[in-house]
Amino acid sequence: MTRLEQPRLRPPALVLFDLDDVLACYDRRLRLMELARRSGTSPAAVQAALFDSGLEHESDIGLWRPEDYADELSRRLGARLTLDDCITARTVATPADPAMVALATQVARHAQVAIFTNNGPFLTLHLERICPPLFPLFAGRVVGAGDVGIAKPSPQAYLRCLALLDMAPAETLFIDDRDENVSGARAAGLDAVGFTSASTLRRVFDFYQLTGTAPHAP
């Protein structure tokens, strides 16, 4: 019997979504191009300063305040970028997936919803501006790796996230597009499924009685 064929007495109390490439369609290339345009440099130079140098990872786990993050990126790039520049570039690169927004809205009638992303305060504190269609649905319900001090797929990351949300692993369903993050969530005691598309996920949610549709095995 597979995981989704096992009977479930009630829906999960919380559905916890990943952000990039689940609720939103993140395009790093567009972000690099916009930062390069605003700084008068090249996408390759921005890639080296932001990602290759480790700055983005440092920011993701909470080592930089957003204002300091922008200043440090400017220093490593050798060209001036403001926090507003950084937010705008992330906005250009992070359009919400309308089908997923609609599905999450439907699920929110049956369970609590929240976001757990491997991003730091630069994104989590400005997500309403970066990806407005996700709000007010996820207002006050966005947790990042920077908030818990450790990134997915560490099982401890999920436990710290759920502690902030005042939820238990056994009553949580987690959705992520990366297999290692799904495995990490299961190791922490959450139920978890991999994301491929909104249409496939809808069938999963039907089974978990999260859409008002009679459950069936996908």
N, C-alpha and C. Protein backbone atom coordinates (compact mmCIF):
# COMPACT_ATOMS: atom_id res chain seq x y z
N MET A 1 0.85 -1.19 0.00
CA MET A 1 0.00 0.00 0.00
C MET A 1 0.88 1.25 0.00
N THR A 2 0.64 2.16 -0.92
CA THR A 2 1.45 3.37 -1.00
C THR A 2 0.98 4.37 0.02
N ARG A 3 1.81 5.43 0.21
CA ARG A 3 1.49 6.48 1.17
C ARG A 3 0.12 7.08 0.90
N LEU A 4 -0.19 7.36 -0.38
CA LEU A 4 -1.44 8.02 -0.71
C LEU A 4 -2.62 7.07 -0.75
N GLU A 5 -2.37 5.75 -0.68
CA GLU A 5 -3.46 4.79 -0.63
C GLU A 5 -3.89 4.50 0.80
N GLN A 6 -3.10 4.95 1.77
CA GLN A 6 -3.44 4.69 3.16
C GLN A 6 -4.58 5.59 3.58
N PRO A 7 -5.56 5.07 4.30
CA PRO A 7 -6.69 5.90 4.70
C PRO A 7 -6.27 6.99 5.66
N ARG A 8 -6.93 8.12 5.55
CA ARG A 8 -6.65 9.25 6.43
C ARG A 8 -7.96 9.71 7.02
N LEU A 9 -8.04 9.83 8.35
CA LEU A 9 -9.30 10.14 9.02
C LEU A 9 -9.69 11.59 8.87
N ARG A 10 -8.72 12.49 8.80
CA ARG A 10 -9.05 13.91 8.71
C ARG A 10 -7.94 14.62 7.94
N PRO A 11 -8.25 15.80 7.39
CA PRO A 11 -7.22 16.55 6.67
C PRO A 11 -6.14 17.04 7.62
N PRO A 12 -4.95 17.33 7.10
CA PRO A 12 -3.92 17.94 7.95
C PRO A 12 -4.39 19.30 8.45
N ALA A 13 -3.90 19.70 9.61
CA ALA A 13 -4.27 21.01 10.15
C ALA A 13 -3.51 22.13 9.47
N LEU A 14 -2.32 21.81 8.92
CA LEU A 14 -1.49 22.81 8.25
C LEU A 14 -0.95 22.26 6.95
N VAL A 15 -1.04 23.05 5.90
CA VAL A 15 -0.34 22.75 4.65
C VAL A 15 0.78 23.78 4.51
N LEU A 16 2.00 23.28 4.49
CA LEU A 16 3.20 24.11 4.47
C LEU A 16 3.82 24.03 3.08
N PHE A 17 3.87 25.17 2.41
CA PHE A 17 4.35 25.24 1.02
C PHE A 17 5.77 25.79 0.95
N ASP A 18 6.56 25.21 0.07
CA ASP A 18 7.79 25.88 -0.38
C ASP A 18 7.38 27.05 -1.26
N LEU A 19 8.29 27.99 -1.46
CA LEU A 19 7.98 29.17 -2.27
C LEU A 19 8.45 29.04 -3.71
N ASP A 20 9.78 29.08 -3.92
CA ASP A 20 10.32 29.12 -5.27
C ASP A 20 10.06 27.82 -6.01
N ASP A 21 9.48 27.97 -7.21
CA ASP A 21 9.14 26.85 -8.10
C ASP A 21 8.03 25.97 -7.54
N VAL A 22 7.29 26.50 -6.56
CA VAL A 22 6.05 25.87 -6.10
C VAL A 22 4.95 26.92 -6.17
N LEU A 23 4.94 27.87 -5.26
CA LEU A 23 3.95 28.95 -5.30
C LEU A 23 4.31 30.03 -6.30
N ALA A 24 5.59 30.17 -6.57
CA ALA A 24 6.07 31.18 -7.53
C ALA A 24 7.07 30.55 -8.47
N CYS A 25 7.19 31.14 -9.64
CA CYS A 25 8.08 30.61 -10.69
C CYS A 25 9.37 31.43 -10.69
N TYR A 26 10.34 30.99 -9.94
CA TYR A 26 11.57 31.76 -9.76
C TYR A 26 12.52 31.57 -10.94
N ASP A 27 13.01 32.69 -11.49
CA ASP A 27 13.94 32.67 -12.62
C ASP A 27 15.19 33.45 -12.23
N ARG A 28 16.24 32.73 -11.81
CA ARG A 28 17.47 33.40 -11.39
C ARG A 28 18.06 34.23 -12.51
N ARG A 29 17.96 33.77 -13.75
CA ARG A 29 18.54 34.49 -14.88
C ARG A 29 17.96 35.90 -14.98
N LEU A 30 16.65 36.03 -14.82
CA LEU A 30 16.02 37.35 -14.89
C LEU A 30 16.50 38.25 -13.74
N ARG A 31 16.68 37.65 -12.58
CA ARG A 31 17.17 38.42 -11.44
C ARG A 31 18.57 38.95 -11.70
N LEU A 32 19.44 38.09 -12.21
CA LEU A 32 20.81 38.51 -12.52
C LEU A 32 20.83 39.62 -13.58
N MET A 33 19.99 39.48 -14.58
CA MET A 33 19.94 40.48 -15.65
C MET A 33 19.48 41.83 -15.12
N GLU A 34 18.48 41.83 -14.24
CA GLU A 34 17.98 43.09 -13.69
C GLU A 34 19.00 43.75 -12.78
N LEU A 35 19.67 42.96 -11.95
CA LEU A 35 20.71 43.51 -11.09
C LEU A 35 21.88 44.05 -11.91
N ALA A 36 22.22 43.35 -12.98
CA ALA A 36 23.29 43.82 -13.87
C ALA A 36 22.90 45.14 -14.53
N ARG A 37 21.66 45.23 -14.98
CA ARG A 37 21.19 46.46 -15.63
C ARG A 37 21.24 47.63 -14.65
N ARG A 38 20.81 47.39 -13.43
CA ARG A 38 20.74 48.47 -12.44
C ARG A 38 22.13 48.87 -11.92
N SER A 39 23.07 47.95 -11.97
CA SER A 39 24.41 48.26 -11.46
C SER A 39 25.39 48.63 -12.56
N GLY A 40 24.99 48.49 -13.81
CA GLY A 40 25.89 48.77 -14.91
C GLY A 40 27.00 47.76 -15.05
N THR A 41 26.72 46.51 -14.62
CA THR A 41 27.72 45.45 -14.72
C THR A 41 27.18 44.35 -15.64
N SER A 42 27.57 43.12 -15.41
CA SER A 42 27.11 42.02 -16.24
C SER A 42 26.46 40.94 -15.37
N PRO A 43 25.60 40.11 -15.97
CA PRO A 43 25.03 39.01 -15.19
C PRO A 43 26.10 38.10 -14.60
N ALA A 44 27.18 37.87 -15.32
CA ALA A 44 28.26 37.02 -14.80
C ALA A 44 28.90 37.65 -13.57
N ALA A 45 29.08 38.97 -13.59
CA ALA A 45 29.67 39.66 -12.44
C ALA A 45 28.74 39.58 -11.23
N VAL A 46 27.44 39.72 -11.46
CA VAL A 46 26.47 39.62 -10.36
C VAL A 46 26.44 38.19 -9.82
N GLN A 47 26.47 37.22 -10.71
CA GLN A 47 26.51 35.82 -10.29
C GLN A 47 27.69 35.57 -9.37
N ALA A 48 28.85 36.09 -9.74
CA ALA A 48 30.05 35.89 -8.93
C ALA A 48 29.93 36.57 -7.57
N ALA A 49 29.40 37.79 -7.55
CA ALA A 49 29.33 38.55 -6.30
C ALA A 49 28.24 38.05 -5.38
N LEU A 50 27.11 37.62 -5.94
CA LEU A 50 25.95 37.26 -5.14
C LEU A 50 25.93 35.79 -4.77
N PHE A 51 26.15 34.93 -5.74
CA PHE A 51 26.02 33.49 -5.50
C PHE A 51 27.36 32.80 -5.29
N ASP A 52 28.30 33.01 -6.20
CA ASP A 52 29.57 32.29 -6.11
C ASP A 52 30.35 32.67 -4.86
N SER A 53 30.19 33.89 -4.40
CA SER A 53 30.91 34.34 -3.20
C SER A 53 30.31 33.80 -1.91
N GLY A 54 29.10 33.26 -2.00
CA GLY A 54 28.42 32.75 -0.80
C GLY A 54 27.52 33.76 -0.12
N LEU A 55 27.41 34.97 -0.66
CA LEU A 55 26.60 36.01 -0.01
C LEU A 55 25.14 35.61 0.08
N GLU A 56 24.58 35.06 -0.98
CA GLU A 56 23.16 34.69 -0.95
C GLU A 56 22.90 33.63 0.11
N HIS A 57 23.78 32.64 0.22
CA HIS A 57 23.61 31.62 1.25
C HIS A 57 23.72 32.23 2.64
N GLU A 58 24.68 33.11 2.82
CA GLU A 58 24.84 33.77 4.12
C GLU A 58 23.56 34.55 4.48
N SER A 59 23.00 35.23 3.50
CA SER A 59 21.76 35.98 3.72
C SER A 59 20.60 35.04 4.03
N ASP A 60 20.55 33.92 3.30
CA ASP A 60 19.45 32.97 3.48
C ASP A 60 19.37 32.43 4.90
N ILE A 61 20.52 32.22 5.53
CA ILE A 61 20.49 31.66 6.88
C ILE A 61 20.52 32.75 7.95
N GLY A 62 20.30 34.00 7.52
CA GLY A 62 20.08 35.07 8.47
C GLY A 62 21.30 35.82 8.94
N LEU A 63 22.43 35.73 8.22
CA LEU A 63 23.64 36.39 8.67
C LEU A 63 23.71 37.87 8.28
N TRP A 64 22.82 38.31 7.38
CA TRP A 64 22.82 39.71 6.94
C TRP A 64 21.43 40.31 7.08
N ARG A 65 21.35 41.49 7.66
CA ARG A 65 20.12 42.27 7.61
C ARG A 65 19.93 42.74 6.17
N PRO A 66 18.69 42.93 5.71
CA PRO A 66 18.48 43.30 4.31
C PRO A 66 19.29 44.52 3.87
N GLU A 67 19.35 45.59 4.70
CA GLU A 67 20.09 46.78 4.32
C GLU A 67 21.58 46.48 4.18
N ASP A 68 22.11 45.69 5.11
CA ASP A 68 23.53 45.33 5.07
C ASP A 68 23.82 44.39 3.90
N TYR A 69 22.85 43.55 3.57
CA TYR A 69 22.97 42.64 2.43
C TYR A 69 23.19 43.43 1.14
N ALA A 70 22.39 44.47 0.95
CA ALA A 70 22.53 45.28 -0.26
C ALA A 70 23.89 45.97 -0.29
N ASP A 71 24.32 46.47 0.85
CA ASP A 71 25.62 47.14 0.91
C ASP A 71 26.77 46.16 0.63
N GLU A 72 26.64 44.95 1.18
CA GLU A 72 27.70 43.97 0.98
C GLU A 72 27.74 43.48 -0.46
N LEU A 73 26.58 43.33 -1.07
CA LEU A 73 26.55 42.97 -2.49
C LEU A 73 27.23 44.06 -3.31
N SER A 74 26.96 45.31 -3.00
CA SER A 74 27.61 46.41 -3.71
C SER A 74 29.12 46.34 -3.55
N ARG A 75 29.58 46.04 -2.34
CA ARG A 75 31.02 45.96 -2.09
C ARG A 75 31.64 44.83 -2.90
N ARG A 76 31.01 43.65 -2.88
CA ARG A 76 31.58 42.50 -3.58
C ARG A 76 31.50 42.67 -5.10
N LEU A 77 30.49 43.40 -5.55
CA LEU A 77 30.30 43.62 -6.99
C LEU A 77 31.17 44.76 -7.50
N GLY A 78 31.48 45.71 -6.62
CA GLY A 78 32.22 46.89 -7.04
C GLY A 78 31.36 47.88 -7.78
N ALA A 79 30.06 47.85 -7.50
CA ALA A 79 29.10 48.77 -8.13
C ALA A 79 27.93 48.95 -7.18
N ARG A 80 27.29 50.12 -7.19
CA ARG A 80 26.27 50.42 -6.20
C ARG A 80 24.92 49.81 -6.55
N LEU A 81 24.35 49.08 -5.57
CA LEU A 81 22.98 48.59 -5.64
C LEU A 81 22.29 48.92 -4.32
N THR A 82 21.09 49.45 -4.40
CA THR A 82 20.33 49.76 -3.19
C THR A 82 19.46 48.56 -2.82
N LEU A 83 18.92 48.61 -1.61
CA LEU A 83 17.97 47.57 -1.21
C LEU A 83 16.77 47.55 -2.14
N ASP A 84 16.32 48.72 -2.57
CA ASP A 84 15.21 48.78 -3.52
C ASP A 84 15.56 48.10 -4.84
N ASP A 85 16.80 48.26 -5.30
CA ASP A 85 17.24 47.57 -6.52
C ASP A 85 17.14 46.05 -6.33
N CYS A 86 17.60 45.58 -5.19
CA CYS A 86 17.61 44.14 -4.92
C CYS A 86 16.19 43.59 -4.84
N ILE A 87 15.30 44.33 -4.21
CA ILE A 87 13.90 43.89 -4.09
C ILE A 87 13.24 43.87 -5.47
N THR A 88 13.47 44.91 -6.25
CA THR A 88 12.86 44.97 -7.58
C THR A 88 13.34 43.83 -8.47
N ALA A 89 14.63 43.51 -8.41
CA ALA A 89 15.15 42.41 -9.22
C ALA A 89 14.53 41.09 -8.81
N ARG A 90 14.37 40.89 -7.50
CA ARG A 90 13.73 39.64 -7.02
C ARG A 90 12.27 39.60 -7.45
N THR A 91 11.61 40.76 -7.48
CA THR A 91 10.21 40.83 -7.90
C THR A 91 10.06 40.42 -9.36
N VAL A 92 10.94 40.96 -10.20
CA VAL A 92 10.91 40.63 -11.64
C VAL A 92 11.06 39.12 -11.85
N ALA A 93 11.85 38.49 -10.99
CA ALA A 93 12.20 37.08 -11.16
C ALA A 93 11.26 36.12 -10.43
N THR A 94 10.23 36.64 -9.72
CA THR A 94 9.44 35.78 -8.85
C THR A 94 7.94 35.98 -9.05
N PRO A 95 7.43 35.73 -10.26
CA PRO A 95 5.98 35.85 -10.45
C PRO A 95 5.25 34.68 -9.80
N ALA A 96 4.11 35.00 -9.18
CA ALA A 96 3.31 33.93 -8.59
C ALA A 96 2.72 33.05 -9.68
N ASP A 97 2.51 31.79 -9.35
CA ASP A 97 1.83 30.85 -10.24
C ASP A 97 0.33 30.98 -9.97
N PRO A 98 -0.45 31.54 -10.89
CA PRO A 98 -1.88 31.76 -10.62
C PRO A 98 -2.63 30.49 -10.24
N ALA A 99 -2.29 29.37 -10.87
CA ALA A 99 -2.97 28.12 -10.54
C ALA A 99 -2.68 27.69 -9.12
N MET A 100 -1.45 27.92 -8.66
CA MET A 100 -1.10 27.55 -7.29
C MET A 100 -1.73 28.51 -6.27
N VAL A 101 -1.81 29.77 -6.61
CA VAL A 101 -2.47 30.71 -5.71
C VAL A 101 -3.93 30.32 -5.54
N ALA A 102 -4.59 29.98 -6.64
CA ALA A 102 -5.99 29.57 -6.57
C ALA A 102 -6.14 28.29 -5.74
N LEU A 103 -5.22 27.35 -5.93
CA LEU A 103 -5.30 26.09 -5.20
C LEU A 103 -5.04 26.31 -3.71
N ALA A 104 -4.05 27.12 -3.37
CA ALA A 104 -3.76 27.41 -1.97
C ALA A 104 -4.93 28.12 -1.30
N THR A 105 -5.59 29.01 -2.04
CA THR A 105 -6.76 29.70 -1.51
C THR A 105 -7.88 28.73 -1.20
N GLN A 106 -8.06 27.75 -2.08
CA GLN A 106 -9.08 26.73 -1.84
C GLN A 106 -8.73 25.87 -0.63
N VAL A 107 -7.47 25.47 -0.53
CA VAL A 107 -7.03 24.65 0.60
C VAL A 107 -7.20 25.40 1.92
N ALA A 108 -7.00 26.73 1.90
CA ALA A 108 -7.09 27.52 3.12
C ALA A 108 -8.48 27.51 3.73
N ARG A 109 -9.48 27.05 3.00
CA ARG A 109 -10.82 26.91 3.56
C ARG A 109 -10.94 25.68 4.44
N HIS A 110 -9.95 24.77 4.34
CA HIS A 110 -10.02 23.50 5.05
C HIS A 110 -8.87 23.31 6.04
N ALA A 111 -7.81 24.10 5.91
CA ALA A 111 -6.64 23.95 6.78
C ALA A 111 -5.90 25.28 6.82
N GLN A 112 -5.02 25.42 7.79
CA GLN A 112 -4.13 26.57 7.78
C GLN A 112 -3.09 26.39 6.68
N VAL A 113 -2.60 27.51 6.16
CA VAL A 113 -1.56 27.46 5.14
C VAL A 113 -0.41 28.36 5.59
N ALA A 114 0.80 27.99 5.19
CA ALA A 114 1.99 28.77 5.52
C ALA A 114 3.07 28.46 4.49
N ILE A 115 4.12 29.27 4.50
CA ILE A 115 5.26 29.11 3.60
C ILE A 115 6.51 28.84 4.43
N PHE A 116 7.31 27.86 3.99
CA PHE A 116 8.64 27.65 4.56
C PHE A 116 9.63 27.62 3.41
N THR A 117 10.49 28.62 3.35
CA THR A 117 11.41 28.79 2.23
C THR A 117 12.84 28.85 2.71
N ASN A 118 13.74 28.39 1.89
CA ASN A 118 15.18 28.47 2.20
C ASN A 118 15.71 29.85 1.82
N ASN A 119 15.03 30.88 2.28
CA ASN A 119 15.45 32.25 2.06
C ASN A 119 15.53 32.97 3.40
N GLY A 120 16.26 34.07 3.39
CA GLY A 120 16.45 34.83 4.61
C GLY A 120 15.55 36.05 4.68
N PRO A 121 15.85 36.96 5.62
CA PRO A 121 14.99 38.12 5.85
C PRO A 121 14.89 39.07 4.68
N PHE A 122 15.90 39.10 3.80
CA PHE A 122 15.77 39.94 2.61
C PHE A 122 14.48 39.60 1.87
N LEU A 123 14.18 38.32 1.72
CA LEU A 123 12.97 37.92 1.00
C LEU A 123 11.76 37.87 1.92
N THR A 124 11.89 37.25 3.08
CA THR A 124 10.69 37.04 3.91
C THR A 124 10.10 38.36 4.39
N LEU A 125 10.94 39.34 4.71
CA LEU A 125 10.42 40.62 5.19
C LEU A 125 9.81 41.47 4.07
N HIS A 126 10.14 41.15 2.81
CA HIS A 126 9.66 41.94 1.68
C HIS A 126 8.83 41.11 0.70
N LEU A 127 8.38 39.94 1.13
CA LEU A 127 7.70 39.05 0.19
C LEU A 127 6.38 39.64 -0.31
N GLU A 128 5.70 40.40 0.53
CA GLU A 128 4.42 40.98 0.08
C GLU A 128 4.65 41.93 -1.10
N ARG A 129 5.78 42.59 -1.12
CA ARG A 129 6.12 43.44 -2.26
C ARG A 129 6.66 42.62 -3.42
N ILE A 130 7.44 41.60 -3.12
CA ILE A 130 8.06 40.78 -4.16
C ILE A 130 7.04 39.92 -4.90
N CYS A 131 6.08 39.37 -4.17
CA CYS A 131 5.09 38.47 -4.78
C CYS A 131 3.70 38.78 -4.20
N PRO A 132 3.11 39.92 -4.57
CA PRO A 132 1.87 40.38 -3.97
C PRO A 132 0.68 39.42 -4.06
N PRO A 133 0.54 38.59 -5.14
CA PRO A 133 -0.63 37.71 -5.20
C PRO A 133 -0.71 36.69 -4.05
N LEU A 134 0.39 36.49 -3.32
CA LEU A 134 0.37 35.55 -2.21
C LEU A 134 -0.25 36.15 -0.94
N PHE A 135 -0.62 37.42 -1.02
CA PHE A 135 -1.15 38.11 0.15
C PHE A 135 -2.54 38.68 -0.16
N PRO A 136 -3.41 38.70 0.86
CA PRO A 136 -3.17 38.46 2.30
C PRO A 136 -3.19 36.98 2.73
N LEU A 137 -3.29 36.06 1.78
CA LEU A 137 -3.45 34.65 2.13
C LEU A 137 -2.38 34.18 3.11
N PHE A 138 -1.11 34.55 2.87
CA PHE A 138 -0.01 34.06 3.70
C PHE A 138 0.51 35.12 4.69
N ALA A 139 -0.26 36.16 4.93
CA ALA A 139 0.18 37.22 5.84
C ALA A 139 0.47 36.65 7.23
N GLY A 140 1.66 36.95 7.74
CA GLY A 140 2.06 36.47 9.06
C GLY A 140 2.36 34.98 9.12
N ARG A 141 2.45 34.33 7.94
CA ARG A 141 2.63 32.88 7.89
C ARG A 141 3.77 32.51 6.95
N VAL A 142 4.81 33.33 6.93
CA VAL A 142 5.98 33.08 6.09
C VAL A 142 7.19 32.88 6.99
N VAL A 143 7.81 31.71 6.89
CA VAL A 143 9.00 31.38 7.68
C VAL A 143 10.14 31.09 6.71
N GLY A 144 11.31 31.65 6.99
CA GLY A 144 12.48 31.40 6.16
C GLY A 144 13.58 30.72 6.93
N ALA A 145 14.56 30.21 6.20
CA ALA A 145 15.72 29.59 6.85
C ALA A 145 16.40 30.58 7.79
N GLY A 146 16.36 31.88 7.44
CA GLY A 146 16.95 32.88 8.30
C GLY A 146 16.24 33.03 9.63
N ASP A 147 14.97 32.65 9.69
CA ASP A 147 14.21 32.72 10.94
C ASP A 147 14.55 31.57 11.88
N VAL A 148 15.00 30.45 11.31
CA VAL A 148 15.27 29.27 12.15
C VAL A 148 16.75 28.95 12.24
N GLY A 149 17.58 29.67 11.47
CA GLY A 149 19.02 29.51 11.58
C GLY A 149 19.60 28.29 10.92
N ILE A 150 18.78 27.60 10.14
CA ILE A 150 19.25 26.39 9.46
C ILE A 150 18.34 26.14 8.26
N ALA A 151 18.89 25.57 7.21
CA ALA A 151 18.14 25.41 5.97
C ALA A 151 17.59 24.00 5.82
N LYS A 152 16.53 23.89 5.02
CA LYS A 152 16.10 22.58 4.54
C LYS A 152 17.25 21.99 3.73
N PRO A 153 17.46 20.69 3.78
CA PRO A 153 16.57 19.63 4.26
C PRO A 153 16.86 19.14 5.68
N SER A 154 17.58 19.89 6.49
CA SER A 154 17.83 19.45 7.85
C SER A 154 16.50 19.23 8.58
N PRO A 155 16.26 18.06 9.16
CA PRO A 155 15.01 17.85 9.90
C PRO A 155 14.78 18.91 10.97
N GLN A 156 15.87 19.41 11.57
CA GLN A 156 15.72 20.42 12.61
C GLN A 156 15.09 21.70 12.07
N ALA A 157 15.33 22.00 10.81
CA ALA A 157 14.76 23.21 10.21
C ALA A 157 13.23 23.16 10.24
N TYR A 158 12.66 22.02 9.90
CA TYR A 158 11.20 21.89 9.88
C TYR A 158 10.63 21.98 11.30
N LEU A 159 11.31 21.37 12.25
CA LEU A 159 10.82 21.40 13.62
C LEU A 159 10.84 22.82 14.17
N ARG A 160 11.88 23.57 13.86
CA ARG A 160 11.94 24.96 14.32
C ARG A 160 10.88 25.80 13.62
N CYS A 161 10.66 25.55 12.35
CA CYS A 161 9.62 26.26 11.61
C CYS A 161 8.25 26.01 12.24
N LEU A 162 7.94 24.76 12.52
CA LEU A 162 6.64 24.43 13.08
C LEU A 162 6.48 24.97 14.50
N ALA A 163 7.57 25.06 15.23
CA ALA A 163 7.50 25.67 16.56
C ALA A 163 7.09 27.13 16.45
N LEU A 164 7.61 27.84 15.45
CA LEU A 164 7.22 29.24 15.24
C LEU A 164 5.76 29.36 14.83
N LEU A 165 5.26 28.37 14.11
CA LEU A 165 3.87 28.37 13.65
C LEU A 165 2.92 27.73 14.66
N ASP A 166 3.48 27.21 15.76
CA ASP A 166 2.70 26.54 16.81
C ASP A 166 1.90 25.37 16.25
N MET A 167 2.56 24.56 15.45
CA MET A 167 1.95 23.38 14.85
C MET A 167 2.82 22.16 15.12
N ALA A 168 2.22 20.98 15.02
CA ALA A 168 2.93 19.73 15.26
C ALA A 168 3.27 19.05 13.94
N PRO A 169 4.40 18.35 13.87
CA PRO A 169 4.76 17.65 12.63
C PRO A 169 3.68 16.69 12.15
N ALA A 170 3.06 15.96 13.07
CA ALA A 170 2.09 14.93 12.68
C ALA A 170 0.83 15.51 12.05
N GLU A 171 0.58 16.80 12.23
CA GLU A 171 -0.62 17.41 11.66
C GLU A 171 -0.30 18.33 10.48
N THR A 172 0.91 18.15 9.91
CA THR A 172 1.37 19.04 8.84
C THR A 172 1.65 18.26 7.57
N LEU A 173 1.21 18.82 6.45
CA LEU A 173 1.54 18.31 5.12
C LEU A 173 2.44 19.33 4.44
N PHE A 174 3.62 18.90 3.99
CA PHE A 174 4.62 19.78 3.40
C PHE A 174 4.73 19.52 1.91
N ILE A 175 4.86 20.61 1.14
CA ILE A 175 4.95 20.52 -0.33
C ILE A 175 6.25 21.19 -0.78
N ASP A 176 7.06 20.47 -1.55
CA ASP A 176 8.33 21.03 -2.04
C ASP A 176 8.68 20.38 -3.37
N ASP A 177 9.39 21.11 -4.22
CA ASP A 177 9.76 20.56 -5.52
C ASP A 177 11.07 19.79 -5.48
N ARG A 178 11.80 19.82 -4.37
CA ARG A 178 13.08 19.13 -4.28
C ARG A 178 12.94 17.85 -3.45
N ASP A 179 13.41 16.75 -4.01
CA ASP A 179 13.27 15.46 -3.34
C ASP A 179 13.95 15.46 -1.97
N GLU A 180 15.13 16.10 -1.88
CA GLU A 180 15.84 16.08 -0.61
C GLU A 180 15.08 16.83 0.48
N ASN A 181 14.33 17.87 0.09
CA ASN A 181 13.54 18.61 1.08
C ASN A 181 12.32 17.82 1.52
N VAL A 182 11.74 17.07 0.60
CA VAL A 182 10.63 16.18 0.96
C VAL A 182 11.12 15.11 1.94
N SER A 183 12.28 14.53 1.65
CA SER A 183 12.84 13.50 2.54
C SER A 183 13.17 14.08 3.92
N GLY A 184 13.71 15.29 3.96
CA GLY A 184 14.03 15.92 5.23
C GLY A 184 12.79 16.16 6.06
N ALA A 185 11.70 16.58 5.41
CA ALA A 185 10.44 16.80 6.12
C ALA A 185 9.91 15.50 6.70
N ARG A 186 9.98 14.44 5.93
CA ARG A 186 9.49 13.14 6.43
C ARG A 186 10.34 12.67 7.61
N ALA A 187 11.64 12.92 7.55
CA ALA A 187 12.52 12.54 8.66
C ALA A 187 12.16 13.30 9.93
N ALA A 188 11.59 14.51 9.78
CA ALA A 188 11.18 15.31 10.93
C ALA A 188 9.79 14.95 11.43
N GLY A 189 9.12 14.02 10.75
CA GLY A 189 7.80 13.57 11.18
C GLY A 189 6.63 14.21 10.47
N LEU A 190 6.91 15.04 9.46
CA LEU A 190 5.83 15.63 8.68
C LEU A 190 5.40 14.66 7.59
N ASP A 191 4.17 14.79 7.13
CA ASP A 191 3.78 14.16 5.88
C ASP A 191 4.26 15.10 4.78
N ALA A 192 4.74 14.57 3.66
CA ALA A 192 5.31 15.43 2.63
C ALA A 192 5.15 14.79 1.27
N VAL A 193 4.93 15.64 0.28
CA VAL A 193 4.82 15.17 -1.10
C VAL A 193 5.63 16.08 -2.01
N GLY A 194 6.13 15.52 -3.09
CA GLY A 194 6.89 16.29 -4.07
C GLY A 194 5.96 17.02 -5.02
N PHE A 195 6.39 18.21 -5.41
CA PHE A 195 5.59 19.05 -6.31
C PHE A 195 6.10 18.92 -7.74
N THR A 196 5.18 18.72 -8.68
CA THR A 196 5.51 18.74 -10.09
C THR A 196 4.64 19.74 -10.86
N SER A 197 3.37 19.84 -10.48
CA SER A 197 2.46 20.76 -11.15
C SER A 197 1.24 21.00 -10.27
N ALA A 198 0.54 22.09 -10.54
CA ALA A 198 -0.67 22.40 -9.78
C ALA A 198 -1.75 21.34 -10.01
N SER A 199 -1.86 20.85 -11.25
CA SER A 199 -2.90 19.87 -11.54
C SER A 199 -2.66 18.56 -10.80
N THR A 200 -1.41 18.12 -10.74
CA THR A 200 -1.10 16.90 -9.99
C THR A 200 -1.29 17.12 -8.50
N LEU A 201 -0.89 18.28 -8.00
CA LEU A 201 -1.04 18.56 -6.57
C LEU A 201 -2.51 18.63 -6.19
N ARG A 202 -3.35 19.12 -7.06
CA ARG A 202 -4.78 19.15 -6.77
C ARG A 202 -5.32 17.74 -6.49
N ARG A 203 -4.86 16.77 -7.22
CA ARG A 203 -5.30 15.39 -6.99
C ARG A 203 -4.85 14.91 -5.61
N VAL A 204 -3.64 15.30 -5.22
CA VAL A 204 -3.15 14.97 -3.89
C VAL A 204 -4.04 15.62 -2.83
N PHE A 205 -4.35 16.89 -3.03
CA PHE A 205 -5.19 17.60 -2.06
C PHE A 205 -6.60 17.03 -2.02
N ASP A 206 -7.10 16.56 -3.16
CA ASP A 206 -8.40 15.89 -3.16
C ASP A 206 -8.37 14.69 -2.22
N PHE A 207 -7.30 13.93 -2.30
CA PHE A 207 -7.17 12.75 -1.45
C PHE A 207 -7.14 13.13 0.03
N TYR A 208 -6.44 14.21 0.34
CA TYR A 208 -6.34 14.64 1.73
C TYR A 208 -7.56 15.44 2.20
N GLN A 209 -8.59 15.50 1.36
CA GLN A 209 -9.84 16.17 1.69
C GLN A 209 -9.61 17.66 1.98
N LEU A 210 -8.80 18.27 1.15
CA LEU A 210 -8.44 19.67 1.33
C LEU A 210 -9.07 20.59 0.28
N THR A 211 -9.87 20.02 -0.61
CA THR A 211 -10.45 20.83 -1.69
C THR A 211 -11.96 20.76 -1.74
N GLY A 212 -12.56 19.99 -0.86
CA GLY A 212 -14.00 19.81 -0.90
C GLY A 212 -14.44 18.75 -1.90
N THR A 213 -13.46 18.09 -2.52
CA THR A 213 -13.75 17.01 -3.48
C THR A 213 -13.57 15.67 -2.79
N ALA A 214 -14.40 14.71 -3.13
CA ALA A 214 -14.29 13.38 -2.54
C ALA A 214 -12.91 12.83 -2.79
N PRO A 215 -12.23 12.27 -1.76
CA PRO A 215 -10.87 11.79 -1.92
C PRO A 215 -10.77 10.58 -2.83
N HIS A 216 -9.66 10.52 -3.56
CA HIS A 216 -9.37 9.35 -4.38
C HIS A 216 -7.86 9.27 -4.50
N ALA A 217 -7.35 8.11 -4.75
CA ALA A 217 -5.92 7.93 -4.91
C ALA A 217 -5.49 8.50 -6.25
N PRO A 218 -4.45 9.36 -6.26
CA PRO A 218 -3.96 9.91 -7.53
C PRO A 218 -3.46 8.80 -8.44
